[in-house]
Structures are given as structure tokens and as C-alpha cells.
Protein backbone atom coordinates (compact mmCIF):
# COMPACT_ATOMS: atom_id res chain seq x y z
CA MET A 1 -74.54 -64.06 8.41
CA ARG A 2 -76.40 -65.16 5.13
CA VAL A 3 -76.89 -62.87 2.50
CA ARG A 4 -79.45 -63.34 -0.31
CA ALA A 5 -78.79 -60.97 -3.33
CA SER A 6 -80.91 -60.96 -6.75
CA SER A 7 -79.03 -59.57 -10.10
CA VAL A 8 -80.76 -57.74 -12.74
CA ALA A 9 -79.40 -55.99 -15.64
CA GLY A 10 -76.18 -57.57 -14.70
CA VAL A 11 -76.02 -55.41 -10.92
CA MET A 12 -75.56 -57.52 -8.12
CA PHE A 13 -77.90 -56.05 -5.69
CA LEU A 14 -77.70 -57.06 -1.91
CA ASN A 15 -80.40 -57.36 0.39
CA ALA A 16 -79.51 -56.31 3.86
CA PRO A 17 -75.95 -57.70 5.18
CA THR A 18 -73.52 -55.98 7.64
CA GLU A 19 -70.71 -58.13 7.22
CA LEU A 20 -70.05 -58.82 3.33
CA HIS A 21 -67.73 -62.43 3.50
CA ASN A 22 -66.22 -63.59 -0.66
CA SER A 23 -65.95 -67.33 -0.12
CA ASN A 24 -64.20 -67.46 -3.60
CA LYS A 25 -61.93 -65.01 -2.75
CA MET A 26 -58.00 -66.14 -4.26
CA SER A 27 -54.72 -66.78 -2.75
CA GLU A 28 -52.67 -63.73 -3.18
CA ASN A 29 -49.96 -65.82 -4.70
CA ASN A 30 -52.64 -67.38 -7.11
CA GLN A 31 -51.58 -66.51 -10.88
CA SER A 32 -55.07 -65.62 -12.16
CA ALA A 33 -55.91 -62.91 -9.53
CA PRO A 34 -55.76 -59.51 -10.41
CA ILE A 35 -52.47 -57.54 -9.45
CA LEU A 36 -54.49 -54.45 -8.43
CA SER A 37 -58.42 -53.61 -6.98
CA VAL A 38 -59.53 -50.39 -7.35
CA LEU A 39 -61.92 -49.88 -4.58
CA VAL A 40 -64.76 -47.31 -5.41
CA PRO A 41 -67.15 -46.24 -2.34
CA ALA A 42 -70.03 -43.70 -3.91
CA TYR A 43 -73.01 -42.30 -2.64
CA ASN A 44 -74.95 -40.19 -5.23
CA TYR A 45 -72.03 -38.75 -6.88
CA SER A 46 -71.93 -40.75 -10.43
CA SER A 47 -69.60 -38.36 -12.21
CA GLY A 48 -66.97 -38.57 -9.50
CA VAL A 49 -66.88 -42.07 -9.98
CA ARG A 50 -67.23 -42.20 -13.67
CA GLN A 51 -63.83 -39.64 -13.41
CA ILE A 52 -62.25 -42.91 -12.01
CA VAL A 53 -63.72 -45.45 -13.47
CA CYS A 54 -63.65 -44.51 -16.69
CA PRO A 55 -59.81 -43.98 -17.65
CA LEU A 56 -59.03 -46.94 -15.79
CA LEU A 57 -61.20 -48.83 -18.25
CA ASP A 58 -59.52 -47.23 -21.06
CA GLU A 59 -56.39 -48.79 -20.01
CA GLY A 60 -57.55 -52.28 -20.76
CA ARG A 61 -55.33 -54.25 -17.70
CA ASN A 62 -56.51 -57.74 -17.29
CA ASP A 63 -54.76 -57.80 -14.41
CA LEU A 64 -57.15 -54.80 -12.83
CA GLU A 65 -60.24 -55.09 -11.27
CA ILE A 66 -62.47 -52.13 -10.13
CA LEU A 67 -64.88 -52.65 -7.67
CA ILE A 68 -67.89 -50.30 -6.65
CA HIS A 69 -70.05 -50.58 -3.76
CA ASP A 70 -73.09 -48.31 -3.73
CA ASP A 71 -74.45 -46.72 -0.61
CA SER A 72 -76.50 -43.78 -2.64
CA SER A 73 -79.92 -42.75 -1.92
CA ASP A 74 -80.99 -42.04 -5.34
CA TYR A 75 -79.82 -44.06 -8.80
CA SER A 76 -77.69 -41.89 -10.53
CA VAL A 77 -74.63 -44.15 -9.87
CA GLU A 78 -76.63 -47.84 -10.80
CA HIS A 79 -77.69 -45.99 -14.11
CA PHE A 80 -74.25 -45.04 -14.94
CA VAL A 81 -72.50 -48.24 -14.05
CA LYS A 82 -75.32 -50.32 -15.78
CA SER A 83 -74.64 -48.66 -19.27
CA ILE A 84 -70.75 -49.93 -19.09
CA LEU A 85 -71.22 -53.12 -17.22
CA PRO A 86 -71.74 -55.16 -19.78
CA LYS A 87 -68.70 -54.30 -21.73
CA HIS A 88 -65.97 -54.83 -18.82
CA ALA A 89 -65.40 -57.98 -17.04
CA ASN A 90 -62.94 -56.57 -14.59
CA LEU A 91 -66.03 -54.21 -13.48
CA LYS A 92 -68.12 -55.29 -10.62
CA TYR A 93 -70.93 -53.72 -9.02
CA ARG A 94 -72.86 -53.83 -5.88
CA ARG A 95 -75.71 -51.75 -4.55
CA ASN A 96 -76.00 -52.28 -0.90
CA ARG A 97 -79.73 -52.29 0.27
CA PRO A 98 -80.07 -50.82 2.86
CA ALA A 99 -76.76 -48.85 2.79
CA LEU A 100 -73.91 -50.00 5.42
CA GLY A 101 -72.58 -46.47 5.95
CA ALA A 102 -69.37 -44.70 4.77
CA ILE A 103 -66.93 -46.80 7.19
CA ASP A 104 -68.80 -50.15 6.86
CA ASN A 105 -68.43 -49.54 3.20
CA TRP A 106 -65.18 -49.59 2.62
CA ASN A 107 -64.84 -52.60 4.75
CA SER A 108 -66.67 -54.06 2.56
CA LEU A 109 -64.93 -53.60 -0.14
CA ILE A 110 -61.68 -54.41 1.14
CA ASN A 111 -63.52 -57.78 2.27
CA ALA A 112 -64.67 -58.24 -1.74
CA ALA A 113 -61.22 -57.51 -3.23
CA LEU A 114 -59.23 -60.27 -4.80
CA GLY A 115 -55.86 -58.13 -6.11
CA ARG A 116 -52.22 -58.38 -4.78
CA TYR A 117 -52.92 -54.74 -4.06
CA VAL A 118 -55.84 -52.74 -2.68
CA ILE A 119 -56.17 -48.96 -3.20
CA LEU A 120 -59.47 -47.33 -1.96
CA ILE A 121 -60.64 -44.26 -3.95
CA HIS A 122 -63.36 -42.08 -2.84
CA HIS A 123 -65.46 -40.43 -5.15
CA ASP A 124 -64.03 -37.00 -4.61
CA ASP A 125 -60.55 -38.03 -5.28
CA PHE A 126 -58.81 -39.46 -8.51
CA PRO A 127 -55.53 -40.39 -10.02
CA LEU A 128 -54.30 -37.38 -12.51
CA SER A 129 -52.64 -39.92 -15.05
CA LYS A 130 -54.61 -41.47 -17.85
CA HIS A 131 -52.22 -44.18 -17.31
CA PHE A 132 -52.54 -44.64 -13.65
CA ALA A 133 -52.95 -48.50 -13.43
CA THR A 134 -50.35 -49.41 -15.86
CA GLU A 135 -47.71 -47.34 -14.41
CA LEU A 136 -48.65 -48.03 -10.69
CA ILE A 137 -48.65 -51.94 -11.71
CA ASN A 138 -44.99 -51.04 -13.23
CA GLU A 139 -43.88 -49.36 -10.26
CA LEU A 140 -44.51 -52.02 -7.55
CA GLN A 141 -42.90 -54.30 -10.00
CA ALA A 142 -39.94 -52.47 -10.15
CA ARG A 143 -40.03 -51.27 -6.17
CA LYS A 144 -39.61 -55.24 -5.92
CA TRP A 145 -43.60 -55.52 -4.57
CA PRO A 146 -43.58 -53.53 -1.47
CA ASP A 147 -46.05 -53.59 1.40
CA ALA A 148 -47.06 -50.16 0.89
CA MET A 149 -46.50 -47.54 -1.73
CA VAL A 150 -48.06 -43.84 -0.55
CA LEU A 151 -48.19 -41.86 -3.70
CA ALA A 152 -48.02 -38.44 -4.48
CA CYS A 153 -51.16 -35.68 -3.54
CA VAL A 154 -52.87 -32.38 -4.63
CA THR A 155 -55.83 -30.68 -3.18
CA HIS A 156 -58.52 -29.18 -5.54
CA ASP A 157 -60.28 -26.43 -3.64
CA VAL A 158 -63.32 -26.62 -5.69
CA ALA A 159 -65.19 -23.67 -4.32
CA ARG A 160 -61.90 -21.54 -5.40
CA ASN A 161 -60.79 -23.40 -7.97
CA LYS A 162 -57.19 -23.91 -6.28
CA VAL A 163 -54.75 -26.49 -6.24
CA ARG A 164 -52.55 -27.29 -3.49
CA PRO A 165 -49.32 -29.81 -3.37
CA CYS A 166 -48.86 -32.08 -0.70
CA ILE A 167 -46.27 -32.24 1.32
CA HIS A 168 -43.17 -33.31 -0.29
CA ASN A 169 -42.13 -37.21 -0.55
CA ARG A 170 -38.84 -36.49 1.38
CA ILE A 171 -40.01 -34.91 4.15
CA ARG A 172 -42.94 -37.73 3.93
CA GLN A 173 -40.45 -40.38 4.12
CA ILE A 174 -38.62 -39.44 7.59
CA ILE A 175 -42.22 -38.76 9.24
CA ILE A 176 -43.36 -41.99 8.00
CA ARG A 177 -40.92 -44.41 8.40
CA LYS A 178 -39.22 -42.46 11.48
CA TRP A 179 -42.15 -41.03 13.66
CA PRO A 180 -45.62 -41.89 12.42
CA THR A 181 -47.48 -41.50 15.34
CA TYR A 182 -46.80 -37.68 14.22
CA LEU A 183 -49.71 -38.70 11.74
CA PHE A 184 -52.24 -37.99 14.31
CA LEU A 185 -51.19 -34.27 14.00
CA ARG A 186 -50.30 -33.61 10.86
CA ASN A 187 -51.58 -36.31 8.43
CA VAL A 188 -48.84 -36.21 5.32
CA ILE A 189 -50.32 -39.18 4.10
CA GLY A 190 -53.20 -37.82 2.74
CA PRO A 191 -56.64 -39.30 1.99
CA PRO A 192 -56.77 -43.53 1.59
CA ALA A 193 -56.43 -43.10 -2.53
CA ALA A 194 -52.78 -42.31 -1.26
CA ILE A 195 -51.87 -45.00 -0.58
CA VAL A 196 -51.46 -48.60 -1.97
CA VAL A 197 -51.68 -51.77 0.21
CA ARG A 198 -50.84 -55.46 0.12
CA ARG A 199 -54.32 -56.85 0.17
CA ASN A 200 -53.18 -59.79 2.74
CA ILE A 201 -52.05 -57.14 5.23
CA PHE A 202 -54.77 -54.18 5.17
CA LEU A 203 -56.57 -53.64 7.84
CA PRO A 204 -59.93 -53.07 8.24
CA PHE A 205 -61.38 -49.32 9.45
CA ASP A 206 -62.20 -48.63 12.87
CA ASN A 207 -66.09 -48.55 12.14
CA GLN A 208 -66.33 -46.72 15.53
CA LEU A 209 -64.08 -43.08 13.97
CA LYS A 210 -64.88 -40.76 11.53
CA TRP A 211 -62.73 -37.87 11.82
CA LEU A 212 -59.27 -39.66 12.48
CA VAL A 213 -60.23 -43.44 10.60
CA ASP A 214 -57.83 -43.12 7.90
CA ILE A 215 -55.05 -42.04 10.03
CA ASP A 216 -55.52 -44.88 12.49
CA ALA A 217 -55.71 -47.32 9.86
CA TYR A 218 -52.29 -45.78 8.29
CA TYR A 219 -50.84 -46.09 12.23
CA ARG A 220 -51.91 -49.86 12.73
CA LEU A 221 -50.43 -50.64 9.12
CA LEU A 222 -47.10 -48.75 9.99
CA ILE A 223 -46.30 -50.25 13.40
CA GLN A 224 -46.70 -54.04 12.84
CA GLY A 225 -43.43 -55.57 11.76
CA ASN A 226 -40.89 -54.17 9.88
CA ARG A 227 -43.41 -52.60 6.64
CA ARG A 228 -41.48 -52.07 3.55
CA VAL A 229 -43.09 -48.55 2.38
CA GLU A 230 -42.09 -47.08 -1.02
CA PHE A 231 -42.79 -43.62 -1.94
CA SER A 232 -44.32 -42.26 -6.07
CA HIS A 233 -44.57 -39.57 -7.25
CA LEU A 234 -48.07 -40.42 -9.39
CA VAL A 235 -50.36 -37.80 -8.23
CA ILE A 236 -53.75 -38.60 -6.44
CA VAL A 237 -55.89 -35.10 -6.48
CA SER A 238 -57.78 -34.87 -3.75
CA SER A 239 -61.22 -32.41 -4.03
CA THR A 240 -62.57 -30.65 -1.16
CA GLY A 241 -65.73 -29.16 -0.81
CA LEU A 242 -67.93 -31.21 -2.21
CA PRO A 243 -71.42 -31.65 -0.23
CA ASN A 244 -71.17 -35.25 0.16
CA ALA A 245 -67.90 -35.56 1.36
CA ILE A 246 -67.79 -37.08 5.34
CA THR A 247 -65.80 -33.95 6.09
CA THR A 248 -68.88 -31.71 5.08
CA GLY A 249 -71.15 -33.78 7.27
CA ILE A 250 -68.99 -32.83 10.31
CA GLN A 251 -68.14 -28.94 10.00
CA GLY A 252 -68.38 -27.38 13.15
CA ARG A 253 -67.96 -30.58 15.56
CA LYS A 254 -64.37 -31.32 14.35
CA GLY A 255 -62.76 -30.23 17.52
CA SER A 256 -65.25 -32.18 19.70
CA ILE A 257 -65.06 -35.19 17.59
CA ARG A 258 -61.31 -34.91 16.60
CA ASN A 259 -60.84 -34.75 20.56
CA ALA A 260 -62.96 -37.67 21.79
CA GLU A 261 -61.14 -40.41 18.83
CA LEU A 262 -57.40 -39.30 20.38
CA ALA A 263 -58.99 -40.34 23.46
CA GLN A 264 -60.43 -43.62 21.99
CA ILE A 265 -57.32 -44.30 19.84
CA SER A 266 -54.79 -43.58 22.36
CA ALA A 267 -56.28 -46.22 24.33
CA LYS A 268 -55.51 -49.33 21.70
CA PHE A 269 -51.47 -48.28 22.65
CA PRO A 270 -48.74 -47.95 25.11
CA PRO A 271 -49.28 -44.44 27.10
CA THR A 272 -47.03 -42.34 25.82
CA TRP A 273 -45.61 -38.67 26.00
CA PHE A 274 -46.73 -37.79 22.51
CA TRP A 275 -50.37 -38.96 23.12
CA LYS A 276 -50.41 -36.96 26.31
CA VAL A 277 -49.55 -33.87 24.29
CA ILE A 278 -51.76 -34.14 21.66
CA ARG A 279 -54.47 -34.67 24.30
CA GLY A 280 -53.23 -31.66 26.11
CA ARG A 281 -52.68 -33.96 29.06
CA VAL A 282 -49.14 -32.81 30.39
CA PHE A 283 -47.93 -29.51 31.63
CA GLY A 284 -47.24 -26.81 29.02
CA ALA A 285 -48.83 -29.46 26.18
CA GLN A 286 -49.93 -25.51 24.43
CA THR A 287 -46.98 -24.43 24.57
CA ILE A 288 -45.28 -27.32 23.08
CA LEU A 289 -48.26 -27.35 19.94
CA LEU A 290 -47.35 -23.83 19.64
CA MET A 291 -44.06 -24.47 18.47
CA GLU A 292 -44.98 -27.60 16.50
CA TRP A 293 -47.41 -25.07 14.68
CA PHE A 294 -44.33 -22.33 13.70
CA LEU A 295 -42.11 -25.88 13.23
CA TRP A 296 -45.43 -26.75 10.78
CA VAL A 297 -44.92 -23.42 8.40
CA ILE A 298 -40.96 -24.38 7.92
CA ILE A 299 -42.00 -27.44 6.80
CA ARG A 300 -44.27 -26.09 4.60
CA VAL A 301 -41.87 -23.96 3.04
CA LEU A 302 -39.37 -26.41 2.90
CA SER A 303 -41.89 -28.57 0.86
CA SER A 304 -43.11 -26.05 -1.48
CA ILE A 305 -39.35 -25.04 -2.53
CA LEU A 306 -38.13 -29.12 -2.61
CA ASN A 307 -41.26 -29.64 -5.15
CA ARG A 308 -40.34 -26.21 -7.16
CA LEU A 309 -36.48 -28.03 -7.47
CA SER A 310 -37.99 -31.22 -8.35
CA GLY A 311 -40.64 -29.71 -10.68
CA SER A 312 -43.25 -31.89 -9.26
CA ARG A 313 -45.61 -28.91 -8.98
CA ILE A 314 -49.42 -29.40 -10.43
CA ASP A 315 -51.24 -26.72 -11.99
CA LEU A 316 -54.66 -26.38 -12.00
CA LEU A 317 -55.29 -26.89 -15.69
CA ALA A 318 -53.34 -29.89 -15.62
CA VAL A 319 -56.15 -31.37 -13.03
CA LEU A 320 -58.78 -29.56 -15.21
CA ARG A 321 -57.95 -31.37 -18.00
CA ARG A 322 -57.99 -34.91 -16.53
CA LYS A 323 -61.52 -34.24 -15.12
CA LYS A 324 -62.35 -33.19 -18.83
CA TYR A 325 -60.62 -36.34 -20.45
CA ALA A 326 -62.66 -38.01 -17.74
CA GLY A 327 -66.20 -36.72 -17.58
């Protein structure tokens, strides 16, 4: 498909693509290509985009690119980006006209990225560290450039103003490396911002999914070949309860959507006992899932103990300080 584009004040506007292709894409081995591409899908939440982008730009790295693809129905994100775009050659902005929709917008960002590694950060998530890109690139190098790196994660309940750490890395390692199918019951990775992946193995998101779209992508990544996945203590903050989140838009329908998507996803893979259990298609499935729930409670308690012993708990004040810095 041919894409017509026009540029105003350094901002690129797309005039009706459904698929985006970068004809100038560099090889991963090209020394001039950035090491890391930070991908930011935007929708009507300029303050969220700001809290991701500004600290990254302040690091002043030439081996980092930041891509913002904007599906907004207003101009708040565009106005913010236009105000800083001329000062930063590694910041790239695209206004989607018409809007692509959430999942297609994520895929357009992956397709446009040039970095050796990519990380997709939604506008309601952000890195806790003010030196995130530098620390992440240093860690990737120290780990001898793995296929993927899973980051630590905390959730920030905006309405209740509380933070909750995700599962401790030691437990996540066991699940992700030994039993990735369990992700469909318990997403121990977290949002897409909690995983950094080599661009050349990052598979497109399935745009037929909504609720399980990220888990489906994680699972397909993990079961392909002998992937080397490392784990980091760098923290991603995932905000919940914001009005523009995908999960907010499907409240009250999550159960039916999840069941339909599990049926769709399970059809992609060989039938196993596990798929039948989580879909309730075997005798005693409800009993098995109840036992799993009790096991999960124990895992959460164990994770909390490990977080306390390792000193890796994140308090609310640290999250609020980071938001204030970015604002």
C-alpha cells in the first residue's frame, strides 16, 4: 500500500495507512542503528507521554530512539511533541490519520523501529529510574545481549493512590522458563513495558485480540526456539484505573472476552490438558482452578517475603517523585 505523507513543523502525518513499512530499515548489525527503540502508542493523554519521553531525552543518548505514534482524537499529544521535536533528532512522531486502533498502532511502531532492541511503553506506564535507558543498555550489554529481558514491575492504583509490587523475579523465572503456558492464568510478566525484546524476533501482536493480546505475544515469543531470557531489577510502573486504558473500555465484558479469546488462541497450538482445564472443558476443571487459586495466594505471600528480604519494595513516594520529575 502506498502511503501519502505531508510534514508540518517537523511533524509527520499519515493519510490512511493500515499497514506501515519502513523502506529504510537498517540491519540489526548496522553500527549506526540505535541500540534501543522506545515505542510509545499515544491516545489523548499528553501527560502520560510526557512522563515517559522527557526523562529519556534528558539522558542525551545517541544510541536511543523514541517513536510516538499518535491515535488521538484531540491534539494534546501533537502540541506537546511539536514543542520539543526540533531539539531532538532521535525523537520521531507520527500522527495516524485515520486512527489505526490500539493493536495496529502497536504493530506500526514495531515495524518502524530501527533499534536492536524494542520496548513498548503505553502512556499509562513509565520507567521508575530517571536513567532508565542508560541502565537498561548497560545491563543488556553486561548480560551479553540476550533475546529478551523481563523487567521488574509495580502497579500504581491511581484512584486509591497505592502501589503493589508484581511477582518477585525468582518466581517469574521459574514460570517463564519452565511453564510459559501458565501466563494465560497468571500474567507474571506484566504490561508490554515490562519486557525488552530483540527487534528481529519481536512478532506482531494479534489484532483480533483485546484482553489477552499481550500474553499471546509473550507466549509465542517464548516457545519459539531456545530463547535466552534474562531478568532485571529495573522497575516499570504500570498505572491502573485511567479512563483511556483498554481494560477500562471492556469493563463488565472481560469474562466473556477472555473465554472467547482463549478459544481462539488455543486453536493455534497443539491441544493439551492445560488448555482444556483453563477453558473448563475437562471434568473437575473448576476444582483444579480453585486449587490453583489457593496456590496463587501462597505464591503472592512468598513473593512479598522475597521482596522484603531483597529490599526491592517500591513505596508510593518513589512513584510520585518520579511523576513529579517528569511533569
